[in-house]
Amino acid sequence: QYLVNELKRARRYGSQVTAFFLDLDDFKQVNDCHGHLVGSH
């Protein structure tokens, strides 16, 4: 919902919106070695 509203505003005023997507590397090893409680923390 935020992106819908923000892109409408950017179109109206001719501005730019940048987004970045990040994914943790090998996070499964944290859960496997230390447990899901540590992973959640």
All heavy atoms as atom14 arrays in JSON, in Angstrom:
{
  "sequence": "QYLVNELKRARRYGSQVTAFFLDLDDFKQVNDCHGHLVGSH",
  "atom14_mask": [
    [1, 1, 1, 1, 1, 1, 1, 1, 1, 0, 0, 0, 0, 0],
    [1, 1, 1, 1, 1, 1, 1, 1, 1, 1, 1, 1, 0, 0],
    [1, 1, 1, 1, 1, 1, 1, 1, 0, 0, 0, 0, 0, 0],
    [1, 1, 1, 1, 1, 1, 1, 0, 0, 0, 0, 0, 0, 0],
    [1, 1, 1, 1, 1, 1, 1, 1, 0, 0, 0, 0, 0, 0],
    [1, 1, 1, 1, 1, 1, 1, 1, 1, 0, 0, 0, 0, 0],
    [1, 1, 1, 1, 1, 1, 1, 1, 0, 0, 0, 0, 0, 0],
    [1, 1, 1, 1, 1, 1, 1, 1, 1, 0, 0, 0, 0, 0],
    [1, 1, 1, 1, 1, 1, 1, 1, 1, 1, 1, 0, 0, 0],
    [1, 1, 1, 1, 1, 0, 0, 0, 0, 0, 0, 0, 0, 0],
    [1, 1, 1, 1, 1, 1, 1, 1, 1, 1, 1, 0, 0, 0],
    [1, 1, 1, 1, 1, 1, 1, 1, 1, 1, 1, 0, 0, 0],
    [1, 1, 1, 1, 1, 1, 1, 1, 1, 1, 1, 1, 0, 0],
    [1, 1, 1, 1, 0, 0, 0, 0, 0, 0, 0, 0, 0, 0],
    [1, 1, 1, 1, 1, 1, 0, 0, 0, 0, 0, 0, 0, 0],
    [1, 1, 1, 1, 1, 1, 1, 1, 1, 0, 0, 0, 0, 0],
    [1, 1, 1, 1, 1, 1, 1, 0, 0, 0, 0, 0, 0, 0],
    [1, 1, 1, 1, 1, 1, 1, 0, 0, 0, 0, 0, 0, 0],
    [1, 1, 1, 1, 1, 0, 0, 0, 0, 0, 0, 0, 0, 0],
    [1, 1, 1, 1, 1, 1, 1, 1, 1, 1, 1, 0, 0, 0],
    [1, 1, 1, 1, 1, 1, 1, 1, 1, 1, 1, 0, 0, 0],
    [1, 1, 1, 1, 1, 1, 1, 1, 0, 0, 0, 0, 0, 0],
    [1, 1, 1, 1, 1, 1, 1, 1, 0, 0, 0, 0, 0, 0],
    [1, 1, 1, 1, 1, 1, 1, 1, 0, 0, 0, 0, 0, 0],
    [1, 1, 1, 1, 1, 1, 1, 1, 0, 0, 0, 0, 0, 0],
    [1, 1, 1, 1, 1, 1, 1, 1, 0, 0, 0, 0, 0, 0],
    [1, 1, 1, 1, 1, 1, 1, 1, 1, 1, 1, 0, 0, 0],
    [1, 1, 1, 1, 1, 1, 1, 1, 1, 0, 0, 0, 0, 0],
    [1, 1, 1, 1, 1, 1, 1, 1, 1, 0, 0, 0, 0, 0],
    [1, 1, 1, 1, 1, 1, 1, 0, 0, 0, 0, 0, 0, 0],
    [1, 1, 1, 1, 1, 1, 1, 1, 0, 0, 0, 0, 0, 0],
    [1, 1, 1, 1, 1, 1, 1, 1, 0, 0, 0, 0, 0, 0],
    [1, 1, 1, 1, 1, 1, 0, 0, 0, 0, 0, 0, 0, 0],
    [1, 1, 1, 1, 1, 1, 1, 1, 1, 1, 0, 0, 0, 0],
    [1, 1, 1, 1, 0, 0, 0, 0, 0, 0, 0, 0, 0, 0],
    [1, 1, 1, 1, 1, 1, 1, 1, 1, 1, 0, 0, 0, 0],
    [1, 1, 1, 1, 1, 1, 1, 1, 0, 0, 0, 0, 0, 0],
    [1, 1, 1, 1, 1, 1, 1, 0, 0, 0, 0, 0, 0, 0],
    [1, 1, 1, 1, 0, 0, 0, 0, 0, 0, 0, 0, 0, 0],
    [1, 1, 1, 1, 1, 1, 0, 0, 0, 0, 0, 0, 0, 0],
    [1, 1, 1, 1, 1, 1, 1, 1, 1, 1, 0, 0, 0, 0]
  ],
  "atom14_positions": [
    [[0.82, -1.2, 0.0], [0.0, 0.0, 0.0], [0.86, 1.26, 0.0], [0.53, 2.26, -0.66], [-0.93, 0.0, 1.22], [-1.94, 1.13, 1.24], [-2.84, 1.14, 0.0], [-3.42, 0.1, -0.34], [-2.94, 2.27, -0.66], [0.0, 0.0, 0.0], [0.0, 0.0, 0.0], [0.0, 0.0, 0.0], [0.0, 0.0, 0.0], [0.0, 0.0, 0.0]],
    [[1.96, 1.24, 0.73], [2.84, 2.4, 0.77], [3.42, 2.69, -0.6], [3.48, 3.86, -1.04], [3.97, 2.16, 1.78], [5.0, 3.26, 1.78], [4.77, 4.47, 2.44], [6.2, 3.1, 1.09], [5.71, 5.48, 2.42], [7.15, 4.11, 1.07], [6.9, 5.3, 1.72], [7.83, 6.31, 1.7], [0.0, 0.0, 0.0], [0.0, 0.0, 0.0]],
    [[3.85, 1.65, -1.32], [4.44, 1.86, -2.65], [3.41, 2.41, -3.63], [3.74, 3.24, -4.49], [5.03, 0.55, -3.17], [6.37, 0.15, -2.58], [6.79, -1.23, -3.08], [7.45, 1.18, -2.93], [0.0, 0.0, 0.0], [0.0, 0.0, 0.0], [0.0, 0.0, 0.0], [0.0, 0.0, 0.0], [0.0, 0.0, 0.0], [0.0, 0.0, 0.0]],
    [[2.16, 1.95, -3.53], [1.12, 2.49, -4.4], [1.0, 3.99, -4.2], [0.99, 4.77, -5.17], [-0.24, 1.79, -4.12], [-1.38, 2.54, -4.81], [-0.2, 0.34, -4.6], [0.0, 0.0, 0.0], [0.0, 0.0, 0.0], [0.0, 0.0, 0.0], [0.0, 0.0, 0.0], [0.0, 0.0, 0.0], [0.0, 0.0, 0.0], [0.0, 0.0, 0.0]],
    [[0.91, 4.44, -2.96], [0.76, 5.86, -2.67], [2.02, 6.65, -3.02], [1.94, 7.77, -3.55], [0.42, 6.07, -1.19], [-0.93, 5.47, -0.82], [-1.83, 5.36, -1.65], [-1.07, 5.07, 0.44], [0.0, 0.0, 0.0], [0.0, 0.0, 0.0], [0.0, 0.0, 0.0], [0.0, 0.0, 0.0], [0.0, 0.0, 0.0], [0.0, 0.0, 0.0]],
    [[3.18, 6.09, -2.75], [4.43, 6.81, -2.99], [4.71, 6.98, -4.48], [5.18, 8.03, -4.93], [5.59, 6.08, -2.31], [6.88, 6.86, -2.27], [6.75, 8.19, -1.54], [5.97, 8.26, -0.58], [7.43, 9.16, -1.95], [0.0, 0.0, 0.0], [0.0, 0.0, 0.0], [0.0, 0.0, 0.0], [0.0, 0.0, 0.0], [0.0, 0.0, 0.0]],
    [[4.39, 5.97, -5.27], [4.61, 6.08, -6.71], [3.61, 7.05, -7.35], [3.94, 7.74, -8.32], [4.53, 4.71, -7.37], [5.91, 4.03, -7.6], [6.63, 3.84, -6.27], [5.74, 2.7, -8.31], [0.0, 0.0, 0.0], [0.0, 0.0, 0.0], [0.0, 0.0, 0.0], [0.0, 0.0, 0.0], [0.0, 0.0, 0.0], [0.0, 0.0, 0.0]],
    [[2.39, 7.12, -6.81], [1.44, 8.13, -7.29], [1.98, 9.53, -7.04], [1.9, 10.42, -7.9], [0.1, 7.97, -6.57], [-0.74, 6.79, -7.04], [-2.06, 6.74, -6.28], [-2.91, 5.56, -6.73], [-4.18, 5.49, -5.96], [0.0, 0.0, 0.0], [0.0, 0.0, 0.0], [0.0, 0.0, 0.0], [0.0, 0.0, 0.0], [0.0, 0.0, 0.0]],
    [[2.54, 9.73, -5.86], [3.09, 11.04, -5.51], [4.3, 11.36, -6.39], [4.46, 12.5, -6.85], [3.49, 11.07, -4.04], [3.82, 12.43, -3.49], [4.3, 12.35, -2.06], [5.58, 11.66, -1.99], [6.75, 12.25, -2.21], [6.8, 13.54, -2.51], [7.87, 11.58, -2.13], [0.0, 0.0, 0.0], [0.0, 0.0, 0.0], [0.0, 0.0, 0.0]],
    [[5.14, 10.35, -6.63], [6.33, 10.57, -7.46], [5.94, 10.92, -8.89], [6.58, 11.78, -9.53], [7.21, 9.32, -7.43], [0.0, 0.0, 0.0], [0.0, 0.0, 0.0], [0.0, 0.0, 0.0], [0.0, 0.0, 0.0], [0.0, 0.0, 0.0], [0.0, 0.0, 0.0], [0.0, 0.0, 0.0], [0.0, 0.0, 0.0], [0.0, 0.0, 0.0]],
    [[4.9, 10.3, -9.43], [4.43, 10.64, -10.78], [3.94, 12.09, -10.84], [4.2, 12.82, -11.8], [3.3, 9.7, -11.2], [3.75, 8.33, -11.66], [2.62, 7.59, -12.37], [3.04, 6.26, -12.76], [2.85, 5.17, -12.02], [2.23, 5.28, -10.85], [3.26, 4.0, -12.43], [0.0, 0.0, 0.0], [0.0, 0.0, 0.0], [0.0, 0.0, 0.0]],
    [[3.21, 12.49, -9.79], [2.64, 13.83, -9.8], [3.73, 14.9, -9.77], [3.63, 15.93, -10.46], [1.7, 14.0, -8.61], [1.16, 15.41, -8.44], [0.19, 15.51, -7.29], [-0.99, 14.69, -7.51], [-1.99, 14.57, -6.63], [-1.92, 15.21, -5.48], [-3.02, 13.82, -6.92], [0.0, 0.0, 0.0], [0.0, 0.0, 0.0], [0.0, 0.0, 0.0]],
    [[4.77, 14.69, -8.98], [5.79, 15.71, -8.8], [7.08, 15.44, -9.58], [8.06, 16.17, -9.44], [6.11, 15.86, -7.31], [4.92, 16.33, -6.5], [4.23, 15.45, -5.68], [4.48, 17.65, -6.58], [3.13, 15.87, -4.94], [3.38, 18.09, -5.85], [2.71, 17.19, -5.04], [1.62, 17.61, -4.33], [0.0, 0.0, 0.0], [0.0, 0.0, 0.0]],
    [[7.1, 14.37, -10.38], [8.26, 14.08, -11.2], [9.49, 13.7, -10.41], [10.63, 13.97, -10.83], [0.0, 0.0, 0.0], [0.0, 0.0, 0.0], [0.0, 0.0, 0.0], [0.0, 0.0, 0.0], [0.0, 0.0, 0.0], [0.0, 0.0, 0.0], [0.0, 0.0, 0.0], [0.0, 0.0, 0.0], [0.0, 0.0, 0.0], [0.0, 0.0, 0.0]],
    [[9.3, 13.05, -9.26], [10.43, 12.64, -8.43], [10.75, 11.16, -8.64], [10.06, 10.46, -9.39], [10.13, 12.9, -6.95], [8.98, 12.2, -6.55], [0.0, 0.0, 0.0], [0.0, 0.0, 0.0], [0.0, 0.0, 0.0], [0.0, 0.0, 0.0], [0.0, 0.0, 0.0], [0.0, 0.0, 0.0], [0.0, 0.0, 0.0], [0.0, 0.0, 0.0]],
    [[11.78, 10.69, -7.97], [12.23, 9.31, -8.09], [12.07, 8.57, -6.77], [12.16, 9.17, -5.7], [13.7, 9.24, -8.54], [13.93, 9.75, -9.95], [15.4, 9.7, -10.32], [16.23, 10.45, -9.78], [15.75, 8.81, -11.24], [0.0, 0.0, 0.0], [0.0, 0.0, 0.0], [0.0, 0.0, 0.0], [0.0, 0.0, 0.0], [0.0, 0.0, 0.0]],
    [[11.85, 7.28, -6.88], [11.77, 6.4, -5.71], [12.67, 5.21, -5.96], [12.56, 4.54, -6.99], [10.32, 5.92, -5.46], [10.29, 4.97, -4.26], [9.39, 7.09, -5.25], [0.0, 0.0, 0.0], [0.0, 0.0, 0.0], [0.0, 0.0, 0.0], [0.0, 0.0, 0.0], [0.0, 0.0, 0.0], [0.0, 0.0, 0.0], [0.0, 0.0, 0.0]],
    [[13.55, 4.94, -5.01], [14.47, 3.8, -5.13], [14.17, 2.8, -4.01], [13.89, 3.2, -2.88], [15.93, 4.26, -5.06], [16.19, 5.13, -6.16], [16.89, 3.08, -5.1], [0.0, 0.0, 0.0], [0.0, 0.0, 0.0], [0.0, 0.0, 0.0], [0.0, 0.0, 0.0], [0.0, 0.0, 0.0], [0.0, 0.0, 0.0], [0.0, 0.0, 0.0]],
    [[14.25, 1.53, -4.37], [14.04, 0.46, -3.39], [15.16, -0.56, -3.52], [15.65, -0.81, -4.62], [12.69, -0.21, -3.61], [0.0, 0.0, 0.0], [0.0, 0.0, 0.0], [0.0, 0.0, 0.0], [0.0, 0.0, 0.0], [0.0, 0.0, 0.0], [0.0, 0.0, 0.0], [0.0, 0.0, 0.0], [0.0, 0.0, 0.0], [0.0, 0.0, 0.0]],
    [[15.57, -1.11, -2.39], [16.51, -2.23, -2.48], [16.04, -3.41, -1.64], [15.41, -3.26, -0.6], [17.96, -1.82, -2.14], [18.2, -1.33, -0.75], [18.41, -2.21, 0.31], [18.29, 0.03, -0.49], [18.68, -1.75, 1.57], [18.55, 0.51, 0.77], [18.75, -0.39, 1.82], [0.0, 0.0, 0.0], [0.0, 0.0, 0.0], [0.0, 0.0, 0.0]],
    [[16.31, -4.57, -2.19], [15.9, -5.86, -1.64], [17.16, -6.51, -1.09], [18.19, -6.58, -1.78], [15.32, -6.72, -2.77], [14.37, -7.77, -2.33], [13.01, -7.68, -2.6], [14.82, -8.89, -1.65], [12.12, -8.66, -2.21], [13.94, -9.87, -1.24], [12.58, -9.76, -1.52], [0.0, 0.0, 0.0], [0.0, 0.0, 0.0], [0.0, 0.0, 0.0]],
    [[17.12, -6.96, 0.17], [18.29, -7.64, 0.71], [17.89, -8.98, 1.31], [16.82, -9.12, 1.9], [19.02, -6.77, 1.74], [18.37, -6.53, 3.12], [18.85, -7.54, 4.14], [18.68, -5.11, 3.6], [0.0, 0.0, 0.0], [0.0, 0.0, 0.0], [0.0, 0.0, 0.0], [0.0, 0.0, 0.0], [0.0, 0.0, 0.0], [0.0, 0.0, 0.0]],
    [[18.77, -9.96, 1.1], [18.54, -11.31, 1.62], [19.81, -11.75, 2.33], [20.92, -11.65, 1.77], [18.2, -12.27, 0.47], [17.89, -13.67, 0.96], [18.83, -14.47, 1.1], [16.71, -13.95, 1.22], [0.0, 0.0, 0.0], [0.0, 0.0, 0.0], [0.0, 0.0, 0.0], [0.0, 0.0, 0.0], [0.0, 0.0, 0.0], [0.0, 0.0, 0.0]],
    [[19.68, -12.24, 3.55], [20.85, -12.68, 4.32], [21.47, -13.91, 3.67], [20.77, -14.81, 3.21], [20.46, -13.0, 5.76], [19.84, -11.84, 6.55], [19.57, -12.25, 7.99], [20.72, -10.61, 6.52], [0.0, 0.0, 0.0], [0.0, 0.0, 0.0], [0.0, 0.0, 0.0], [0.0, 0.0, 0.0], [0.0, 0.0, 0.0], [0.0, 0.0, 0.0]],
    [[22.8, -13.92, 3.64], [23.53, -15.03, 3.03], [23.65, -16.2, 4.01], [24.09, -16.01, 5.15], [24.92, -14.58, 2.58], [24.86, -13.48, 1.53], [23.9, -13.5, 0.74], [25.75, -12.61, 1.52], [0.0, 0.0, 0.0], [0.0, 0.0, 0.0], [0.0, 0.0, 0.0], [0.0, 0.0, 0.0], [0.0, 0.0, 0.0], [0.0, 0.0, 0.0]],
    [[23.26, -17.38, 3.55], [23.43, -18.63, 4.33], [22.82, -18.52, 5.73], [23.38, -19.04, 6.71], [24.93, -18.97, 4.45], [25.6, -19.08, 3.09], [25.01, -19.72, 2.19], [26.7, -18.52, 2.92], [0.0, 0.0, 0.0], [0.0, 0.0, 0.0], [0.0, 0.0, 0.0], [0.0, 0.0, 0.0], [0.0, 0.0, 0.0], [0.0, 0.0, 0.0]],
    [[21.68, -17.89, 5.81], [21.04, -17.72, 7.13], [20.56, -19.06, 7.68], [20.44, -19.22, 8.9], [19.87, -16.75, 7.01], [19.18, -16.45, 8.32], [19.81, -15.69, 9.3], [17.93, -16.97, 8.58], [19.18, -15.44, 10.5], [17.3, -16.71, 9.79], [17.92, -15.94, 10.75], [0.0, 0.0, 0.0], [0.0, 0.0, 0.0], [0.0, 0.0, 0.0]],
    [[20.28, -20.02, 6.83], [19.82, -21.33, 7.28], [20.83, -21.98, 8.22], [20.45, -22.71, 9.14], [19.56, -22.23, 6.07], [18.98, -23.6, 6.41], [18.65, -24.36, 5.14], [18.02, -25.72, 5.48], [18.95, -26.6, 6.23], [0.0, 0.0, 0.0], [0.0, 0.0, 0.0], [0.0, 0.0, 0.0], [0.0, 0.0, 0.0], [0.0, 0.0, 0.0]],
    [[22.12, -21.68, 8.01], [23.14, -22.27, 8.89], [23.01, -21.77, 10.33], [23.33, -22.5, 11.28], [24.54, -21.95, 8.35], [24.82, -22.59, 7.0], [26.22, -22.27, 6.5], [27.02, -21.64, 7.22], [26.52, -22.68, 5.28], [0.0, 0.0, 0.0], [0.0, 0.0, 0.0], [0.0, 0.0, 0.0], [0.0, 0.0, 0.0], [0.0, 0.0, 0.0]],
    [[22.54, -20.53, 10.5], [22.35, -19.99, 11.85], [21.27, -20.8, 12.57], [21.45, -21.22, 13.72], [21.95, -18.51, 11.8], [21.62, -17.99, 13.2], [23.07, -17.68, 11.17], [0.0, 0.0, 0.0], [0.0, 0.0, 0.0], [0.0, 0.0, 0.0], [0.0, 0.0, 0.0], [0.0, 0.0, 0.0], [0.0, 0.0, 0.0], [0.0, 0.0, 0.0]],
    [[20.15, -21.06, 11.89], [19.09, -21.86, 12.49], [19.54, -23.29, 12.74], [19.22, -23.88, 13.79], [17.86, -21.85, 11.58], [17.15, -20.51, 11.58], [17.18, -19.77, 12.57], [16.54, -20.17, 10.46], [0.0, 0.0, 0.0], [0.0, 0.0, 0.0], [0.0, 0.0, 0.0], [0.0, 0.0, 0.0], [0.0, 0.0, 0.0], [0.0, 0.0, 0.0]],
    [[20.28, -23.86, 11.79], [20.71, -25.26, 11.94], [21.73, -25.44, 13.06], [21.69, -26.43, 13.8], [21.31, -25.77, 10.62], [20.26, -25.89, 9.52], [19.05, -25.89, 9.86], [20.65, -25.97, 8.34], [0.0, 0.0, 0.0], [0.0, 0.0, 0.0], [0.0, 0.0, 0.0], [0.0, 0.0, 0.0], [0.0, 0.0, 0.0], [0.0, 0.0, 0.0]],
    [[22.63, -24.48, 13.21], [23.71, -24.62, 14.21], [23.29, -24.13, 15.61], [23.73, -24.7, 16.62], [24.95, -23.84, 13.76], [25.7, -24.47, 12.24], [0.0, 0.0, 0.0], [0.0, 0.0, 0.0], [0.0, 0.0, 0.0], [0.0, 0.0, 0.0], [0.0, 0.0, 0.0], [0.0, 0.0, 0.0], [0.0, 0.0, 0.0], [0.0, 0.0, 0.0]],
    [[22.46, -23.11, 15.67], [22.17, -22.49, 16.97], [20.7, -22.55, 17.36], [20.35, -22.19, 18.49], [22.62, -21.02, 16.95], [24.07, -20.83, 16.64], [25.07, -21.08, 17.57], [24.7, -20.45, 15.49], [26.25, -20.83, 17.02], [26.06, -20.45, 15.75], [0.0, 0.0, 0.0], [0.0, 0.0, 0.0], [0.0, 0.0, 0.0], [0.0, 0.0, 0.0]],
    [[19.83, -22.96, 16.45], [18.41, -23.06, 16.79], [17.62, -21.85, 16.29], [18.17, -20.79, 16.0], [0.0, 0.0, 0.0], [0.0, 0.0, 0.0], [0.0, 0.0, 0.0], [0.0, 0.0, 0.0], [0.0, 0.0, 0.0], [0.0, 0.0, 0.0], [0.0, 0.0, 0.0], [0.0, 0.0, 0.0], [0.0, 0.0, 0.0], [0.0, 0.0, 0.0]],
    [[16.31, -22.05, 16.2], [15.45, -21.01, 15.64], [15.29, -19.82, 16.58], [15.02, -18.7, 16.12], [14.08, -21.6, 15.3], [14.12, -22.5, 14.1], [14.08, -22.04, 12.81], [14.22, -23.86, 14.0], [14.14, -23.04, 11.96], [14.23, -24.17, 12.66], [0.0, 0.0, 0.0], [0.0, 0.0, 0.0], [0.0, 0.0, 0.0], [0.0, 0.0, 0.0]],
    [[15.43, -20.01, 17.9], [15.34, -18.88, 18.8], [16.47, -17.9, 18.57], [16.26, -16.67, 18.58], [15.32, -19.36, 20.26], [14.07, -20.11, 20.72], [14.21, -20.54, 22.17], [12.83, -19.23, 20.55], [0.0, 0.0, 0.0], [0.0, 0.0, 0.0], [0.0, 0.0, 0.0], [0.0, 0.0, 0.0], [0.0, 0.0, 0.0], [0.0, 0.0, 0.0]],
    [[17.69, -18.42, 18.37], [18.81, -17.56, 18.04], [18.58, -16.88, 16.7], [18.82, -15.68, 16.54], [20.13, -18.36, 18.02], [21.27, -17.52, 17.44], [20.49, -18.84, 19.42], [0.0, 0.0, 0.0], [0.0, 0.0, 0.0], [0.0, 0.0, 0.0], [0.0, 0.0, 0.0], [0.0, 0.0, 0.0], [0.0, 0.0, 0.0], [0.0, 0.0, 0.0]],
    [[18.06, -17.65, 15.73], [17.78, -17.07, 14.42], [16.78, -15.93, 14.5], [16.94, -14.89, 13.85], [0.0, 0.0, 0.0], [0.0, 0.0, 0.0], [0.0, 0.0, 0.0], [0.0, 0.0, 0.0], [0.0, 0.0, 0.0], [0.0, 0.0, 0.0], [0.0, 0.0, 0.0], [0.0, 0.0, 0.0], [0.0, 0.0, 0.0], [0.0, 0.0, 0.0]],
    [[15.74, -16.11, 15.31], [14.74, -15.05, 15.45], [15.34, -13.81, 16.09], [15.04, -12.67, 15.69], [13.57, -15.56, 16.31], [12.89, -16.62, 15.65], [0.0, 0.0, 0.0], [0.0, 0.0, 0.0], [0.0, 0.0, 0.0], [0.0, 0.0, 0.0], [0.0, 0.0, 0.0], [0.0, 0.0, 0.0], [0.0, 0.0, 0.0], [0.0, 0.0, 0.0]],
    [[16.22, -14.01, 17.08], [16.85, -12.86, 17.73], [17.78, -12.15, 16.76], [17.88, -10.9, 16.77], [17.64, -13.32, 18.96], [17.94, -12.2, 19.91], [18.96, -11.3, 19.7], [17.35, -11.82, 21.08], [19.01, -10.44, 20.7], [18.04, -10.72, 21.54], [0.0, 0.0, 0.0], [0.0, 0.0, 0.0], [0.0, 0.0, 0.0], [0.0, 0.0, 0.0]]
  ]
}
